[in-house]
Amino acid sequence: MEHIANTVRDRFDKVIIQNEILRSGFAAFPYLVMEDRNLSIGARMSYAFLLKYAWQDGSCFAGQKRMAEEMGVSERQLQRYLYELRDLKYIKIQRKDKRYNNTYIVLDRKKPSKFKGKK
């Protein structure tokens, strides 16, 4: 019976990705975040990196040091981006106390924040 299952799987369960970029993985990025001009480019990229980590089994630990290194920014700059996302209600940052790491909660947003500059 196992042989039949393997034969069926070999015939029908094939999706071949030749694009190297796609084979290395990707994260879906919401248009809402992409188009919100109140967010800096760095904050948008930080959101994308949070999604990258979150899609690994629904959640994971991503330290600020690692995330900043992968983004090519300083830890302090990353913190500014994360606070920007928090202030515009894209994420919530929780910490039990100073001994524990931050927990980042990606919030449910229905519309972009109001734009305060020229269109």
PDB file of N, CA and C in Angstrom:
ATOM      1  N   MET A   1       0.813  -1.190   0.000  1.00  0.00           N
ATOM      2  CA  MET A   1       0.000   0.000   0.000  1.00  0.00           C
ATOM      3  C   MET A   1       0.863   1.263   0.000  1.00  0.00           C
ATOM      4  N   GLU A   2       1.947   1.248   0.767  1.00  0.00           N
ATOM      5  CA  GLU A   2       2.868   2.396   0.830  1.00  0.00           C
ATOM      6  C   GLU A   2       3.461   2.670  -0.548  1.00  0.00           C
ATOM      7  N   HIS A   3       3.756   1.612  -1.299  1.00  0.00           N
ATOM      8  CA  HIS A   3       4.305   1.760  -2.645  1.00  0.00           C
ATOM      9  C   HIS A   3       3.344   2.536  -3.549  1.00  0.00           C
ATOM     10  N   ILE A   4       2.055   2.242  -3.468  1.00  0.00           N
ATOM     11  CA  ILE A   4       1.046   2.939  -4.277  1.00  0.00           C
ATOM     12  C   ILE A   4       0.984   4.414  -3.891  1.00  0.00           C
ATOM     13  N   ALA A   5       1.003   4.676  -2.601  1.00  0.00           N
ATOM     14  CA  ALA A   5       0.973   6.074  -2.136  1.00  0.00           C
ATOM     15  C   ALA A   5       2.182   6.853  -2.650  1.00  0.00           C
ATOM     16  N   ASN A   6       3.355   6.247  -2.618  1.00  0.00           N
ATOM     17  CA  ASN A   6       4.563   6.911  -3.125  1.00  0.00           C
ATOM     18  C   ASN A   6       4.483   7.150  -4.624  1.00  0.00           C
ATOM     19  N   THR A   7       3.926   6.190  -5.359  1.00  0.00           N
ATOM     20  CA  THR A   7       3.771   6.343  -6.804  1.00  0.00           C
ATOM     21  C   THR A   7       2.839   7.503  -7.125  1.00  0.00           C
ATOM     22  N   VAL A   8       1.713   7.588  -6.406  1.00  0.00           N
ATOM     23  CA  VAL A   8       0.759   8.683  -6.626  1.00  0.00           C
ATOM     24  C   VAL A   8       1.422  10.015  -6.289  1.00  0.00           C
ATOM     25  N   ARG A   9       2.135  10.064  -5.175  1.00  0.00           N
ATOM     26  CA  ARG A   9       2.820  11.292  -4.756  1.00  0.00           C
ATOM     27  C   ARG A   9       3.849  11.715  -5.822  1.00  0.00           C
ATOM     28  N   ASP A  10       4.593  10.752  -6.348  1.00  0.00           N
ATOM     29  CA  ASP A  10       5.590  11.064  -7.374  1.00  0.00           C
ATOM     30  C   ASP A  10       4.958  11.644  -8.626  1.00  0.00           C
ATOM     31  N   ARG A  11       3.760  11.211  -8.962  1.00  0.00           N
ATOM     32  CA  ARG A  11       3.099  11.675 -10.176  1.00  0.00           C
ATOM     33  C   ARG A  11       2.410  13.023 -10.015  1.00  0.00           C
ATOM     34  N   PHE A  12       1.827  13.293  -8.862  1.00  0.00           N
ATOM     35  CA  PHE A  12       0.966  14.452  -8.727  1.00  0.00           C
ATOM     36  C   PHE A  12       1.469  15.545  -7.791  1.00  0.00           C
ATOM     37  N   ASP A  13       2.344  15.244  -6.884  1.00  0.00           N
ATOM     38  CA  ASP A  13       2.765  16.225  -5.883  1.00  0.00           C
ATOM     39  C   ASP A  13       4.061  16.922  -6.284  1.00  0.00           C
ATOM     40  N   LYS A  14       4.103  17.486  -7.477  1.00  0.00           N
ATOM     41  CA  LYS A  14       5.325  18.137  -7.916  1.00  0.00           C
ATOM     42  C   LYS A  14       5.070  19.577  -8.306  1.00  0.00           C
ATOM     43  N   VAL A  15       5.772  20.438  -7.659  1.00  0.00           N
ATOM     44  CA  VAL A  15       5.848  21.832  -8.055  1.00  0.00           C
ATOM     45  C   VAL A  15       7.328  22.144  -8.054  1.00  0.00           C
ATOM     46  N   ILE A  16       7.842  22.503  -9.186  1.00  0.00           N
ATOM     47  CA  ILE A  16       9.269  22.771  -9.309  1.00  0.00           C
ATOM     48  C   ILE A  16       9.487  24.264  -9.445  1.00  0.00           C
ATOM     49  N   ILE A  17      10.280  24.811  -8.550  1.00  0.00           N
ATOM     50  CA  ILE A  17      10.584  26.240  -8.577  1.00  0.00           C
ATOM     51  C   ILE A  17      12.036  26.396  -9.018  1.00  0.00           C
ATOM     52  N   GLN A  18      12.223  27.024 -10.170  1.00  0.00           N
ATOM     53  CA  GLN A  18      13.564  27.230 -10.678  1.00  0.00           C
ATOM     54  C   GLN A  18      14.133  28.588 -10.284  1.00  0.00           C
ATOM     55  N   ASN A  19      13.275  29.502  -9.885  1.00  0.00           N
ATOM     56  CA  ASN A  19      13.715  30.826  -9.496  1.00  0.00           C
ATOM     57  C   ASN A  19      14.424  30.743  -8.142  1.00  0.00           C
ATOM     58  N   GLU A  20      15.701  31.067  -8.114  1.00  0.00           N
ATOM     59  CA  GLU A  20      16.511  30.947  -6.898  1.00  0.00           C
ATOM     60  C   GLU A  20      15.982  31.830  -5.771  1.00  0.00           C
ATOM     61  N   ILE A  21      15.467  33.002  -6.111  1.00  0.00           N
ATOM     62  CA  ILE A  21      14.940  33.909  -5.094  1.00  0.00           C
ATOM     63  C   ILE A  21      13.739  33.264  -4.403  1.00  0.00           C
ATOM     64  N   LEU A  22      12.835  32.684  -5.165  1.00  0.00           N
ATOM     65  CA  LEU A  22      11.659  32.041  -4.579  1.00  0.00           C
ATOM     66  C   LEU A  22      12.030  30.787  -3.798  1.00  0.00           C
ATOM     67  N   ARG A  23      13.017  30.059  -4.266  1.00  0.00           N
ATOM     68  CA  ARG A  23      13.426  28.841  -3.560  1.00  0.00           C
ATOM     69  C   ARG A  23      14.025  29.151  -2.202  1.00  0.00           C
ATOM     70  N   SER A  24      14.575  30.347  -2.036  1.00  0.00           N
ATOM     71  CA  SER A  24      15.165  30.698  -0.742  1.00  0.00           C
ATOM     72  C   SER A  24      14.111  31.168   0.249  1.00  0.00           C
ATOM     73  N   GLY A  25      12.854  31.284  -0.179  1.00  0.00           N
ATOM     74  CA  GLY A  25      11.748  31.640   0.707  1.00  0.00           C
ATOM     75  C   GLY A  25      11.263  33.056   0.472  1.00  0.00           C
ATOM     76  N   PHE A  26      10.052  33.337   0.932  1.00  0.00           N
ATOM     77  CA  PHE A  26       9.483  34.675   0.799  1.00  0.00           C
ATOM     78  C   PHE A  26       8.377  34.837   1.822  1.00  0.00           C
ATOM     79  N   ALA A  27       8.005  36.077   2.071  1.00  0.00           N
ATOM     80  CA  ALA A  27       6.898  36.374   2.982  1.00  0.00           C
ATOM     81  C   ALA A  27       5.886  37.226   2.231  1.00  0.00           C
ATOM     82  N   ALA A  28       4.620  36.965   2.469  1.00  0.00           N
ATOM     83  CA  ALA A  28       3.570  37.809   1.889  1.00  0.00           C
ATOM     84  C   ALA A  28       3.621  39.156   2.604  1.00  0.00           C
ATOM     85  N   PHE A  29       3.569  40.222   1.835  1.00  0.00           N
ATOM     86  CA  PHE A  29       3.670  41.556   2.406  1.00  0.00           C
ATOM     87  C   PHE A  29       2.404  42.330   2.080  1.00  0.00           C
ATOM     88  N   PRO A  30       1.639  42.750   3.088  1.00  0.00           N
ATOM     89  CA  PRO A  30       0.356  43.404   2.838  1.00  0.00           C
ATOM     90  C   PRO A  30       0.496  44.774   2.170  1.00  0.00           C
ATOM     91  N   TYR A  31      -0.375  45.025   1.204  1.00  0.00           N
ATOM     92  CA  TYR A  31      -0.394  46.326   0.533  1.00  0.00           C
ATOM     93  C   TYR A  31      -0.624  47.463   1.526  1.00  0.00           C
ATOM     94  N   LEU A  32      -1.416  47.205   2.548  1.00  0.00           N
ATOM     95  CA  LEU A  32      -1.718  48.213   3.558  1.00  0.00           C
ATOM     96  C   LEU A  32      -0.433  48.797   4.148  1.00  0.00           C
ATOM     97  N   VAL A  33       0.514  47.936   4.468  1.00  0.00           N
ATOM     98  CA  VAL A  33       1.794  48.380   5.029  1.00  0.00           C
ATOM     99  C   VAL A  33       2.660  48.988   3.928  1.00  0.00           C
ATOM    100  N   MET A  34       2.681  48.347   2.785  1.00  0.00           N
ATOM    101  CA  MET A  34       3.507  48.800   1.671  1.00  0.00           C
ATOM    102  C   MET A  34       3.156  50.221   1.252  1.00  0.00           C
ATOM    103  N   GLU A  35       1.876  50.576   1.298  1.00  0.00           N
ATOM    104  CA  GLU A  35       1.416  51.861   0.765  1.00  0.00           C
ATOM    105  C   GLU A  35       1.212  52.939   1.826  1.00  0.00           C
ATOM    106  N   ASP A  36       1.426  52.631   3.102  1.00  0.00           N
ATOM    107  CA  ASP A  36       1.230  53.619   4.162  1.00  0.00           C
ATOM    108  C   ASP A  36       2.431  54.558   4.198  1.00  0.00           C
ATOM    109  N   ARG A  37       2.247  55.758   3.663  1.00  0.00           N
ATOM    110  CA  ARG A  37       3.350  56.717   3.561  1.00  0.00           C
ATOM    111  C   ARG A  37       3.716  57.354   4.901  1.00  0.00           C
ATOM    112  N   ASN A  38       2.963  57.051   5.939  1.00  0.00           N
ATOM    113  CA  ASN A  38       3.356  57.498   7.272  1.00  0.00           C
ATOM    114  C   ASN A  38       4.462  56.625   7.844  1.00  0.00           C
ATOM    115  N   LEU A  39       4.651  55.455   7.271  1.00  0.00           N
ATOM    116  CA  LEU A  39       5.713  54.559   7.701  1.00  0.00           C
ATOM    117  C   LEU A  39       6.966  54.816   6.876  1.00  0.00           C
ATOM    118  N   SER A  40       8.090  54.873   7.543  1.00  0.00           N
ATOM    119  CA  SER A  40       9.356  54.993   6.820  1.00  0.00           C
ATOM    120  C   SER A  40       9.636  53.675   6.092  1.00  0.00           C
ATOM    121  N   ILE A  41      10.530  53.736   5.138  1.00  0.00           N
ATOM    122  CA  ILE A  41      10.928  52.520   4.419  1.00  0.00           C
ATOM    123  C   ILE A  41      11.507  51.507   5.412  1.00  0.00           C
ATOM    124  N   GLY A  42      12.271  51.998   6.376  1.00  0.00           N
ATOM    125  CA  GLY A  42      12.855  51.103   7.382  1.00  0.00           C
ATOM    126  C   GLY A  42      11.801  50.408   8.229  1.00  0.00           C
ATOM    127  N   ALA A  43      10.745  51.118   8.587  1.00  0.00           N
ATOM    128  CA  ALA A  43       9.666  50.515   9.368  1.00  0.00           C
ATOM    129  C   ALA A  43       8.949  49.458   8.533  1.00  0.00           C
ATOM    130  N   ARG A  44       8.765  49.733   7.256  1.00  0.00           N
ATOM    131  CA  ARG A  44       8.117  48.754   6.375  1.00  0.00           C
ATOM    132  C   ARG A  44       8.967  47.488   6.263  1.00  0.00           C
ATOM    133  N   MET A  45      10.281  47.681   6.135  1.00  0.00           N
ATOM    134  CA  MET A  45      11.175  46.523   6.050  1.00  0.00           C
ATOM    135  C   MET A  45      11.196  45.758   7.367  1.00  0.00           C
ATOM    136  N   SER A  46      11.136  46.472   8.477  1.00  0.00           N
ATOM    137  CA  SER A  46      11.095  45.813   9.786  1.00  0.00           C
ATOM    138  C   SER A  46       9.846  44.953   9.896  1.00  0.00           C
ATOM    139  N   TYR A  47       8.727  45.466   9.406  1.00  0.00           N
ATOM    140  CA  TYR A  47       7.475  44.705   9.393  1.00  0.00           C
ATOM    141  C   TYR A  47       7.658  43.432   8.559  1.00  0.00           C
ATOM    142  N   ALA A  48       8.305  43.578   7.405  1.00  0.00           N
ATOM    143  CA  ALA A  48       8.547  42.415   6.547  1.00  0.00           C
ATOM    144  C   ALA A  48       9.409  41.380   7.260  1.00  0.00           C
ATOM    145  N   PHE A  49      10.420  41.825   7.990  1.00  0.00           N
ATOM    146  CA  PHE A  49      11.277  40.885   8.720  1.00  0.00           C
ATOM    147  C   PHE A  49      10.516  40.219   9.860  1.00  0.00           C
ATOM    148  N   LEU A  50       9.646  40.957  10.539  1.00  0.00           N
ATOM    149  CA  LEU A  50       8.824  40.331  11.574  1.00  0.00           C
ATOM    150  C   LEU A  50       7.961  39.231  10.964  1.00  0.00           C
ATOM    151  N   LEU A  51       7.403  39.484   9.785  1.00  0.00           N
ATOM    152  CA  LEU A  51       6.605  38.462   9.099  1.00  0.00           C
ATOM    153  C   LEU A  51       7.463  37.259   8.727  1.00  0.00           C
ATOM    154  N   LYS A  52       8.665  37.542   8.270  1.00  0.00           N
ATOM    155  CA  LYS A  52       9.590  36.457   7.909  1.00  0.00           C
ATOM    156  C   LYS A  52       9.784  35.520   9.093  1.00  0.00           C
ATOM    157  N   TYR A  53      10.015  36.077  10.256  1.00  0.00           N
ATOM    158  CA  TYR A  53      10.227  35.252  11.442  1.00  0.00           C
ATOM    159  C   TYR A  53       8.931  34.599  11.905  1.00  0.00           C
ATOM    160  N   ALA A  54       7.828  35.329  11.838  1.00  0.00           N
ATOM    161  CA  ALA A  54       6.551  34.804  12.332  1.00  0.00           C
ATOM    162  C   ALA A  54       6.070  33.604  11.534  1.00  0.00           C
ATOM    163  N   TRP A  55       6.354  33.566  10.233  1.00  0.00           N
ATOM    164  CA  TRP A  55       5.875  32.459   9.413  1.00  0.00           C
ATOM    165  C   TRP A  55       6.626  31.174   9.684  1.00  0.00           C
ATOM    166  N   GLN A  56       7.622  31.229  10.523  1.00  0.00           N
ATOM    167  CA  GLN A  56       8.331  30.010  10.904  1.00  0.00           C
ATOM    168  C   GLN A  56       7.556  29.358  12.044  1.00  0.00           C
ATOM    169  N   ASP A  57       6.615  28.490  11.717  1.00  0.00           N
ATOM    170  CA  ASP A  57       5.753  27.789  12.671  1.00  0.00           C
ATOM    171  C   ASP A  57       4.834  28.733  13.438  1.00  0.00           C
ATOM    172  N   GLY A  58       4.422  29.838  12.848  1.00  0.00           N
ATOM    173  CA  GLY A  58       3.463  30.737  13.478  1.00  0.00           C
ATOM    174  C   GLY A  58       4.074  31.741  14.424  1.00  0.00           C
ATOM    175  N   SER A  59       5.247  31.463  14.926  1.00  0.00           N
ATOM    176  CA  SER A  59       5.949  32.402  15.790  1.00  0.00           C
ATOM    177  C   SER A  59       7.377  31.905  15.975  1.00  0.00           C
ATOM    178  N   CYS A  60       8.245  32.779  16.381  1.00  0.00           N
ATOM    179  CA  CYS A  60       9.611  32.383  16.698  1.00  0.00           C
ATOM    180  C   CYS A  60      10.303  33.532  17.402  1.00  0.00           C
ATOM    181  N   PHE A  61      11.446  33.243  17.955  1.00  0.00           N
ATOM    182  CA  PHE A  61      12.230  34.280  18.611  1.00  0.00           C
ATOM    183  C   PHE A  61      13.187  34.878  17.588  1.00  0.00           C
ATOM    184  N   ALA A  62      13.101  36.167  17.413  1.00  0.00           N
ATOM    185  CA  ALA A  62      14.039  36.877  16.547  1.00  0.00           C
ATOM    186  C   ALA A  62      14.628  38.011  17.364  1.00  0.00           C
ATOM    187  N   GLY A  63      15.853  37.843  17.793  1.00  0.00           N
ATOM    188  CA  GLY A  63      16.484  38.884  18.587  1.00  0.00           C
ATOM    189  C   GLY A  63      16.737  40.131  17.751  1.00  0.00           C
ATOM    190  N   GLN A  64      16.745  41.289  18.420  1.00  0.00           N
ATOM    191  CA  GLN A  64      16.975  42.546  17.710  1.00  0.00           C
ATOM    192  C   GLN A  64      18.359  42.578  17.075  1.00  0.00           C
ATOM    193  N   LYS A  65      19.330  41.972  17.722  1.00  0.00           N
ATOM    194  CA  LYS A  65      20.686  41.958  17.159  1.00  0.00           C
ATOM    195  C   LYS A  65      20.694  41.228  15.820  1.00  0.00           C
ATOM    196  N   ARG A  66      20.109  40.051  15.792  1.00  0.00           N
ATOM    197  CA  ARG A  66      20.059  39.265  14.548  1.00  0.00           C
ATOM    198  C   ARG A  66      19.265  39.994  13.471  1.00  0.00           C
ATOM    199  N   MET A  67      18.113  40.525  13.855  1.00  0.00           N
ATOM    200  CA  MET A  67      17.250  41.208  12.899  1.00  0.00           C
ATOM    201  C   MET A  67      17.959  42.432  12.320  1.00  0.00           C
ATOM    202  N   ALA A  68      18.620  43.218  13.172  1.00  0.00           N
ATOM    203  CA  ALA A  68      19.341  44.404  12.712  1.00  0.00           C
ATOM    204  C   ALA A  68      20.466  44.012  11.756  1.00  0.00           C
ATOM    205  N   GLU A  69      21.191  42.954  12.086  1.00  0.00           N
ATOM    206  CA  GLU A  69      22.273  42.491  11.212  1.00  0.00           C
ATOM    207  C   GLU A  69      21.736  42.082   9.848  1.00  0.00           C
ATOM    208  N   GLU A  70      20.643  41.343   9.835  1.00  0.00           N
ATOM    209  CA  GLU A  70      20.065  40.893   8.567  1.00  0.00           C
ATOM    210  C   GLU A  70      19.549  42.064   7.739  1.00  0.00           C
ATOM    211  N   MET A  71      19.074  43.108   8.414  1.00  0.00           N
ATOM    212  CA  MET A  71      18.561  44.285   7.702  1.00  0.00           C
ATOM    213  C   MET A  71      19.682  45.248   7.299  1.00  0.00           C
ATOM    214  N   GLY A  72      20.838  45.114   7.926  1.00  0.00           N
ATOM    215  CA  GLY A  72      21.951  46.015   7.622  1.00  0.00           C
ATOM    216  C   GLY A  72      21.827  47.361   8.319  1.00  0.00           C
ATOM    217  N   VAL A  73      21.206  47.379   9.508  1.00  0.00           N
ATOM    218  CA  VAL A  73      21.058  48.610  10.281  1.00  0.00           C
ATOM    219  C   VAL A  73      21.553  48.351  11.704  1.00  0.00           C
ATOM    220  N   SER A  74      21.708  49.414  12.473  1.00  0.00           N
ATOM    221  CA  SER A  74      22.109  49.262  13.868  1.00  0.00           C
ATOM    222  C   SER A  74      20.919  48.803  14.707  1.00  0.00           C
ATOM    223  N   GLU A  75      21.208  48.257  15.872  1.00  0.00           N
ATOM    224  CA  GLU A  75      20.120  47.849  16.765  1.00  0.00           C
ATOM    225  C   GLU A  75      19.273  49.050  17.169  1.00  0.00           C
ATOM    226  N   ARG A  76      19.915  50.185  17.404  1.00  0.00           N
ATOM    227  CA  ARG A  76      19.179  51.390  17.802  1.00  0.00           C
ATOM    228  C   ARG A  76      18.233  51.840  16.691  1.00  0.00           C
ATOM    229  N   GLN A  77      18.694  51.790  15.433  1.00  0.00           N
ATOM    230  CA  GLN A  77      17.831  52.173  14.315  1.00  0.00           C
ATOM    231  C   GLN A  77      16.656  51.212  14.195  1.00  0.00           C
ATOM    232  N   LEU A  78      16.914  49.925  14.364  1.00  0.00           N
ATOM    233  CA  LEU A  78      15.833  48.936  14.329  1.00  0.00           C
ATOM    234  C   LEU A  78      14.809  49.242  15.414  1.00  0.00           C
ATOM    235  N   GLN A  79      15.273  49.591  16.609  1.00  0.00           N
ATOM    236  CA  GLN A  79      14.341  49.925  17.689  1.00  0.00           C
ATOM    237  C   GLN A  79      13.463  51.107  17.295  1.00  0.00           C
ATOM    238  N   ARG A  80      14.028  52.103  16.633  1.00  0.00           N
ATOM    239  CA  ARG A  80      13.215  53.245  16.164  1.00  0.00           C
ATOM    240  C   ARG A  80      12.136  52.783  15.190  1.00  0.00           C
ATOM    241  N   TYR A  81      12.503  51.900  14.277  1.00  0.00           N
ATOM    242  CA  TYR A  81      11.532  51.376  13.315  1.00  0.00           C
ATOM    243  C   TYR A  81      10.420  50.601  14.027  1.00  0.00           C
ATOM    244  N   LEU A  82      10.787  49.792  15.007  1.00  0.00           N
ATOM    245  CA  LEU A  82       9.793  49.014  15.740  1.00  0.00           C
ATOM    246  C   LEU A  82       8.865  49.924  16.542  1.00  0.00           C
ATOM    247  N   TYR A  83       9.408  50.987  17.129  1.00  0.00           N
ATOM    248  CA  TYR A  83       8.565  51.946  17.857  1.00  0.00           C
ATOM    249  C   TYR A  83       7.626  52.676  16.897  1.00  0.00           C
ATOM    250  N   GLU A  84       8.109  52.938  15.708  1.00  0.00           N
ATOM    251  CA  GLU A  84       7.264  53.566  14.681  1.00  0.00           C
ATOM    252  C   GLU A  84       6.083  52.659  14.341  1.00  0.00           C
ATOM    253  N   LEU A  85       6.357  51.373  14.154  1.00  0.00           N
ATOM    254  CA  LEU A  85       5.288  50.409  13.886  1.00  0.00           C
ATOM    255  C   LEU A  85       4.324  50.322  15.063  1.00  0.00           C
ATOM    256  N   ARG A  86       4.862  50.379  16.264  1.00  0.00           N
ATOM    257  CA  ARG A  86       4.019  50.346  17.465  1.00  0.00           C
ATOM    258  C   ARG A  86       3.143  51.597  17.554  1.00  0.00           C
ATOM    259  N   ASP A  87       3.750  52.757  17.338  1.00  0.00           N
ATOM    260  CA  ASP A  87       3.015  54.013  17.466  1.00  0.00           C
ATOM    261  C   ASP A  87       1.889  54.145  16.443  1.00  0.00           C
ATOM    262  N   LEU A  88       2.070  53.545  15.271  1.00  0.00           N
ATOM    263  CA  LEU A  88       1.035  53.583  14.239  1.00  0.00           C
ATOM    264  C   LEU A  88       0.124  52.347  14.290  1.00  0.00           C
ATOM    265  N   LYS A  89       0.248  51.601  15.387  1.00  0.00           N
ATOM    266  CA  LYS A  89      -0.654  50.475  15.690  1.00  0.00           C
ATOM    267  C   LYS A  89      -0.587  49.320  14.683  1.00  0.00           C
ATOM    268  N   TYR A  90       0.620  49.073  14.151  1.00  0.00           N
ATOM    269  CA  TYR A  90       0.825  47.899  13.314  1.00  0.00           C
ATOM    270  C   TYR A  90       1.264  46.708  14.155  1.00  0.00           C
ATOM    271  N   ILE A  91       1.985  46.990  15.246  1.00  0.00           N
ATOM    272  CA  ILE A  91       2.425  45.925  16.141  1.00  0.00           C
ATOM    273  C   ILE A  91       2.225  46.370  17.584  1.00  0.00           C
ATOM    274  N   LYS A  92       2.257  45.397  18.451  1.00  0.00           N
ATOM    275  CA  LYS A  92       2.249  45.647  19.891  1.00  0.00           C
ATOM    276  C   LYS A  92       3.512  44.993  20.438  1.00  0.00           C
ATOM    277  N   ILE A  93       4.190  45.670  21.336  1.00  0.00           N
ATOM    278  CA  ILE A  93       5.413  45.127  21.919  1.00  0.00           C
ATOM    279  C   ILE A  93       5.137  44.840  23.389  1.00  0.00           C
ATOM    280  N   GLN A  94       5.344  43.599  23.788  1.00  0.00           N
ATOM    281  CA  GLN A  94       5.124  43.218  25.178  1.00  0.00           C
ATOM    282  C   GLN A  94       6.412  42.662  25.772  1.00  0.00           C
ATOM    283  N   ARG A  95       6.570  42.893  27.067  1.00  0.00           N
ATOM    284  CA  ARG A  95       7.706  42.338  27.797  1.00  0.00           C
ATOM    285  C   ARG A  95       7.261  42.112  29.228  1.00  0.00           C
ATOM    286  N   LYS A  96       7.495  40.921  29.730  1.00  0.00           N
ATOM    287  CA  LYS A  96       7.086  40.610  31.103  1.00  0.00           C
ATOM    288  C   LYS A  96       7.880  41.455  32.102  1.00  0.00           C
ATOM    289  N   ASP A  97       9.187  41.464  31.953  1.00  0.00           N
ATOM    290  CA  ASP A  97      10.058  42.350  32.720  1.00  0.00           C
ATOM    291  C   ASP A  97      11.411  42.388  32.025  1.00  0.00           C
ATOM    292  N   LYS A  98      12.363  43.081  32.578  1.00  0.00           N
ATOM    293  CA  LYS A  98      13.641  43.303  31.888  1.00  0.00           C
ATOM    294  C   LYS A  98      14.448  42.021  31.675  1.00  0.00           C
ATOM    295  N   ARG A  99      14.085  40.957  32.369  1.00  0.00           N
ATOM    296  CA  ARG A  99      14.815  39.697  32.198  1.00  0.00           C
ATOM    297  C   ARG A  99      14.363  38.921  30.969  1.00  0.00           C
ATOM    298  N   TYR A 100      13.224  39.292  30.401  1.00  0.00           N
ATOM    299  CA  TYR A 100      12.656  38.547  29.282  1.00  0.00           C
ATOM    300  C   TYR A 100      12.791  39.319  27.977  1.00  0.00           C
ATOM    301  N   ASN A 101      12.732  38.586  26.884  1.00  0.00           N
ATOM    302  CA  ASN A 101      12.768  39.187  25.558  1.00  0.00           C
ATOM    303  C   ASN A 101      11.404  39.778  25.203  1.00  0.00           C
ATOM    304  N   ASN A 102      11.420  40.692  24.238  1.00  0.00           N
ATOM    305  CA  ASN A 102      10.171  41.280  23.744  1.00  0.00           C
ATOM    306  C   ASN A 102       9.343  40.240  22.998  1.00  0.00           C
ATOM    307  N   THR A 103       8.046  40.421  23.069  1.00  0.00           N
ATOM    308  CA  THR A 103       7.113  39.675  22.230  1.00  0.00           C
ATOM    309  C   THR A 103       6.481  40.698  21.305  1.00  0.00           C
ATOM    310  N   TYR A 104       6.530  40.427  19.995  1.00  0.00           N
ATOM    311  CA  TYR A 104       5.955  41.328  19.000  1.00  0.00           C
ATOM    312  C   TYR A 104       4.663  40.710  18.495  1.00  0.00           C
ATOM    313  N   ILE A 105       3.586  41.454  18.619  1.00  0.00           N
ATOM    314  CA  ILE A 105       2.279  40.977  18.167  1.00  0.00           C
ATOM    315  C   ILE A 105       1.889  41.805  16.951  1.00  0.00           C
ATOM    316  N   VAL A 106       1.700  41.136  15.825  1.00  0.00           N
ATOM    317  CA  VAL A 106       1.283  41.814  14.599  1.00  0.00           C
ATOM    318  C   VAL A 106      -0.222  42.008  14.703  1.00  0.00           C
ATOM    319  N   LEU A 107      -0.634  43.267  14.746  1.00  0.00           N
ATOM    320  CA  LEU A 107      -2.030  43.611  14.977  1.00  0.00           C
ATOM    321  C   LEU A 107      -2.854  43.561  13.694  1.00  0.00           C
ATOM    322  N   ASP A 108      -4.143  43.425  13.854  1.00  0.00           N
ATOM    323  CA  ASP A 108      -5.081  43.409  12.739  1.00  0.00           C
ATOM    324  C   ASP A 108      -5.419  44.854  12.365  1.00  0.00           C
ATOM    325  N   ARG A 109      -4.976  45.292  11.206  1.00  0.00           N
ATOM    326  CA  ARG A 109      -5.247  46.656  10.730  1.00  0.00           C
ATOM    327  C   ARG A 109      -6.234  46.590   9.584  1.00  0.00           C
ATOM    328  N   LYS A 110      -7.207  47.474   9.589  1.00  0.00           N
ATOM    329  CA  LYS A 110      -8.218  47.501   8.539  1.00  0.00           C
ATOM    330  C   LYS A 110      -7.960  48.585   7.501  1.00  0.00           C
ATOM    331  N   LYS A 111      -7.274  49.665   7.909  1.00  0.00           N
ATOM    332  CA  LYS A 111      -7.022  50.765   6.990  1.00  0.00           C
ATOM    333  C   LYS A 111      -5.699  51.412   7.358  1.00  0.00           C
ATOM    334  N   PRO A 112      -5.094  52.137   6.412  1.00  0.00           N
ATOM    335  CA  PRO A 112      -3.809  52.797   6.707  1.00  0.00           C
ATOM    336  C   PRO A 112      -4.003  53.969   7.652  1.00  0.00           C
ATOM    337  N   SER A 113      -2.914  54.372   8.293  1.00  0.00           N
ATOM    338  CA  SER A 113      -2.986  55.562   9.149  1.00  0.00           C
ATOM    339  C   SER A 113      -3.176  56.784   8.267  1.00  0.00           C
ATOM    340  N   LYS A 114      -3.721  57.849   8.834  1.00  0.00           N
ATOM    341  CA  LYS A 114      -3.968  59.064   8.050  1.00  0.00           C
ATOM    342  C   LYS A 114      -2.659  59.714   7.666  1.00  0.00           C
ATOM    343  N   PHE A 115      -2.546  60.059   6.398  1.00  0.00           N
ATOM    344  CA  PHE A 115      -1.327  60.665   5.878  1.00  0.00           C
ATOM    345  C   PHE A 115      -1.285  62.131   6.284  1.00  0.00           C
ATOM    346  N   LYS A 116      -0.136  62.554   6.817  1.00  0.00           N
ATOM    347  CA  LYS A 116      -0.015  63.910   7.325  1.00  0.00           C
ATOM    348  C   LYS A 116       0.872  64.803   6.465  1.00  0.00           C
ATOM    349  N   GLY A 117       1.168  64.371   5.256  1.00  0.00           N
ATOM    350  CA  GLY A 117       2.019  65.164   4.378  1.00  0.00           C
ATOM    351  C   GLY A 117       1.398  65.329   3.015  1.00  0.00           C
ATOM    352  N   LYS A 118       2.201  65.816   2.071  1.00  0.00           N
ATOM    353  CA  LYS A 118       1.701  65.980   0.696  1.00  0.00           C
ATOM    354  C   LYS A 118       1.495  64.632   0.049  1.00  0.00           C
ATOM    355  N   LYS A 119       0.528  64.561  -0.834  1.00  0.00           N
ATOM    356  CA  LYS A 119       0.286  63.334  -1.595  1.00  0.00           C
ATOM    357  C   LYS A 119       1.084  63.315  -2.853  1.00  0.00           C
TER     358      LYS A 119
END
